[in-house]
């Protein structure tokens, strides 16, 4: 478990009149695919599996977001194939916070 700062989300994602500065989130940890197995959609399948787990338990643990950190090189992968959105405050940091709303 982790959290995502409300300031990192677009205003449409924020709860009106809430005083909280952070929303609970599940963290998708560091992943890697062995070079000889790349290009076989394994990363996509693992990410979708983890997203399914998060969707399954998200409401039970009061968690609305699945988050991860990635570098610029993998940003398009998570946006295009896994429906993650980069946070608004990532800027030019080496790692970019991305989120996906669970419900």
C-alpha atoms as a PDB file:
ATOM      1  CA  UNK A   1       0.000   0.000   0.000  1.00  0.00           C
ATOM      2  CA  UNK A   2       0.983   3.585  -0.606  1.00  0.00           C
ATOM      3  CA  UNK A   3      -0.745   6.840  -1.385  1.00  0.00           C
ATOM      4  CA  UNK A   4      -0.968   9.393  -4.138  1.00  0.00           C
ATOM      5  CA  UNK A   5      -0.962  13.109  -3.378  1.00  0.00           C
ATOM      6  CA  UNK A   6      -4.155  14.872  -4.401  1.00  0.00           C
ATOM      7  CA  UNK A   7      -2.044  17.568  -6.071  1.00  0.00           C
ATOM      8  CA  UNK A   8      -0.705  14.909  -8.455  1.00  0.00           C
ATOM      9  CA  UNK A   9      -4.192  14.189  -9.782  1.00  0.00           C
ATOM     10  CA  UNK A  10      -6.256  16.302 -12.169  1.00  0.00           C
ATOM     11  CA  UNK A  11      -9.098  18.221 -10.520  1.00  0.00           C
ATOM     12  CA  UNK A  12     -11.716  15.848 -12.007  1.00  0.00           C
ATOM     13  CA  UNK A  13     -10.209  13.030  -9.900  1.00  0.00           C
ATOM     14  CA  UNK A  14     -10.342  14.922  -6.604  1.00  0.00           C
ATOM     15  CA  UNK A  15     -13.182  14.622  -4.121  1.00  0.00           C
ATOM     16  CA  UNK A  16     -14.897  17.987  -3.703  1.00  0.00           C
ATOM     17  CA  UNK A  17     -14.618  19.638  -0.299  1.00  0.00           C
ATOM     18  CA  UNK A  18     -12.161  17.034   0.939  1.00  0.00           C
ATOM     19  CA  UNK A  19      -9.368  18.161   3.231  1.00  0.00           C
ATOM     20  CA  UNK A  20      -7.197  15.109   2.652  1.00  0.00           C
ATOM     21  CA  UNK A  21      -3.844  15.600   0.959  1.00  0.00           C
ATOM     22  CA  UNK A  22      -3.406  11.945  -0.034  1.00  0.00           C
ATOM     23  CA  UNK A  23      -5.616   9.146  -1.344  1.00  0.00           C
ATOM     24  CA  UNK A  24      -4.871   5.498  -0.518  1.00  0.00           C
ATOM     25  CA  UNK A  25      -3.332   3.552  -3.381  1.00  0.00           C
ATOM     26  CA  UNK A  26      -1.859   0.161  -4.137  1.00  0.00           C
ATOM     27  CA  UNK A  27       1.692   0.205  -5.422  1.00  0.00           C
ATOM     28  CA  UNK A  28       2.665  -1.885  -8.406  1.00  0.00           C
ATOM     29  CA  UNK A  29       6.299  -2.593  -7.590  1.00  0.00           C
ATOM     30  CA  UNK A  30       9.316  -2.797  -9.800  1.00  0.00           C
ATOM     31  CA  UNK A  31       9.088  -5.261 -12.662  1.00  0.00           C
ATOM     32  CA  UNK A  32      11.425  -6.416 -15.359  1.00  0.00           C
ATOM     33  CA  UNK A  33      11.358  -8.926 -18.179  1.00  0.00           C
ATOM     34  CA  UNK A  34      14.431 -10.946 -19.066  1.00  0.00           C
ATOM     35  CA  UNK A  35      15.853  -9.728 -22.393  1.00  0.00           C
ATOM     36  CA  UNK A  36      15.360 -13.075 -24.113  1.00  0.00           C
ATOM     37  CA  UNK A  37      11.632 -12.972 -23.278  1.00  0.00           C
ATOM     38  CA  UNK A  38      10.910  -9.367 -24.272  1.00  0.00           C
ATOM     39  CA  UNK A  39       8.465  -8.704 -27.082  1.00  0.00           C
ATOM     40  CA  UNK A  40       6.161 -11.563 -26.034  1.00  0.00           C
ATOM     41  CA  UNK A  41       3.629  -9.347 -24.190  1.00  0.00           C
ATOM     42  CA  UNK A  42       4.654 -10.781 -20.813  1.00  0.00           C
ATOM     43  CA  UNK A  43       4.928  -7.338 -19.215  1.00  0.00           C
ATOM     44  CA  UNK A  44       1.439  -6.487 -20.410  1.00  0.00           C
ATOM     45  CA  UNK A  45       0.032  -9.747 -19.047  1.00  0.00           C
ATOM     46  CA  UNK A  46       1.715  -9.294 -15.653  1.00  0.00           C
ATOM     47  CA  UNK A  47       0.448  -5.697 -15.399  1.00  0.00           C
ATOM     48  CA  UNK A  48      -3.097  -6.755 -16.323  1.00  0.00           C
ATOM     49  CA  UNK A  49      -2.964  -9.578 -13.775  1.00  0.00           C
ATOM     50  CA  UNK A  50      -1.859  -7.169 -11.032  1.00  0.00           C
ATOM     51  CA  UNK A  51      -4.554  -4.696 -12.076  1.00  0.00           C
ATOM     52  CA  UNK A  52      -7.144  -7.466 -11.811  1.00  0.00           C
ATOM     53  CA  UNK A  53      -5.978  -8.295  -8.300  1.00  0.00           C
ATOM     54  CA  UNK A  54      -6.147  -4.626  -7.342  1.00  0.00           C
ATOM     55  CA  UNK A  55      -9.664  -4.313  -8.781  1.00  0.00           C
ATOM     56  CA  UNK A  56     -10.723  -7.409  -6.861  1.00  0.00           C
ATOM     57  CA  UNK A  57      -9.555  -6.179  -3.466  1.00  0.00           C
ATOM     58  CA  UNK A  58      -9.649  -2.401  -3.980  1.00  0.00           C
ATOM     59  CA  UNK A  59     -13.106  -1.802  -2.548  1.00  0.00           C
ATOM     60  CA  UNK A  60     -12.503  -4.101   0.421  1.00  0.00           C
ATOM     61  CA  UNK A  61      -9.440  -2.148   1.491  1.00  0.00           C
ATOM     62  CA  UNK A  62     -10.861   1.275   0.531  1.00  0.00           C
ATOM     63  CA  UNK A  63      -8.312   1.868  -2.188  1.00  0.00           C
ATOM     64  CA  UNK A  64      -9.234   3.808  -5.309  1.00  0.00           C
ATOM     65  CA  UNK A  65      -5.926   3.904  -7.231  1.00  0.00           C
ATOM     66  CA  UNK A  66      -3.205   1.634  -8.497  1.00  0.00           C
ATOM     67  CA  UNK A  67       0.072   3.546  -8.851  1.00  0.00           C
ATOM     68  CA  UNK A  68       3.538   2.901 -10.191  1.00  0.00           C
ATOM     69  CA  UNK A  69       6.710   4.765 -10.970  1.00  0.00           C
ATOM     70  CA  UNK A  70       8.452   4.442 -14.311  1.00  0.00           C
ATOM     71  CA  UNK A  71      11.026   6.168 -16.426  1.00  0.00           C
ATOM     72  CA  UNK A  72      10.334   8.075 -19.639  1.00  0.00           C
ATOM     73  CA  UNK A  73      11.378   5.052 -21.713  1.00  0.00           C
ATOM     74  CA  UNK A  74       8.423   2.984 -20.433  1.00  0.00           C
ATOM     75  CA  UNK A  75       5.842   5.772 -20.142  1.00  0.00           C
ATOM     76  CA  UNK A  76       4.149   5.016 -23.467  1.00  0.00           C
ATOM     77  CA  UNK A  77       3.854   1.306 -22.653  1.00  0.00           C
ATOM     78  CA  UNK A  78       1.883   1.955 -19.453  1.00  0.00           C
ATOM     79  CA  UNK A  79      -0.295   4.595 -21.122  1.00  0.00           C
ATOM     80  CA  UNK A  80      -1.047   2.714 -24.337  1.00  0.00           C
ATOM     81  CA  UNK A  81      -1.359  -0.876 -23.134  1.00  0.00           C
ATOM     82  CA  UNK A  82      -2.242  -0.648 -19.443  1.00  0.00           C
ATOM     83  CA  UNK A  83      -4.457   2.487 -19.153  1.00  0.00           C
ATOM     84  CA  UNK A  84      -2.218   4.343 -16.676  1.00  0.00           C
ATOM     85  CA  UNK A  85      -2.098   8.137 -16.627  1.00  0.00           C
ATOM     86  CA  UNK A  86       0.998  10.156 -15.712  1.00  0.00           C
ATOM     87  CA  UNK A  87       0.509  12.395 -12.700  1.00  0.00           C
ATOM     88  CA  UNK A  88       0.293  16.109 -13.323  1.00  0.00           C
ATOM     89  CA  UNK A  89       3.307  16.941 -11.154  1.00  0.00           C
ATOM     90  CA  UNK A  90       5.871  14.535 -12.619  1.00  0.00           C
ATOM     91  CA  UNK A  91       7.737  17.273 -14.473  1.00  0.00           C
ATOM     92  CA  UNK A  92      11.326  16.379 -15.417  1.00  0.00           C
ATOM     93  CA  UNK A  93      11.933  13.955 -12.573  1.00  0.00           C
ATOM     94  CA  UNK A  94      13.824  10.742 -13.443  1.00  0.00           C
ATOM     95  CA  UNK A  95      10.841   8.633 -12.333  1.00  0.00           C
ATOM     96  CA  UNK A  96       7.287   9.470 -13.308  1.00  0.00           C
ATOM     97  CA  UNK A  97       4.368   8.633 -11.020  1.00  0.00           C
ATOM     98  CA  UNK A  98       1.483   7.060 -12.943  1.00  0.00           C
ATOM     99  CA  UNK A  99      -1.953   6.093 -11.708  1.00  0.00           C
ATOM    100  CA  UNK A 100      -4.979   4.104 -12.742  1.00  0.00           C
ATOM    101  CA  UNK A 101      -8.338   4.546 -11.064  1.00  0.00           C
ATOM    102  CA  UNK A 102      -9.743   1.243  -9.840  1.00  0.00           C
ATOM    103  CA  UNK A 103     -13.368   2.261  -9.347  1.00  0.00           C
END
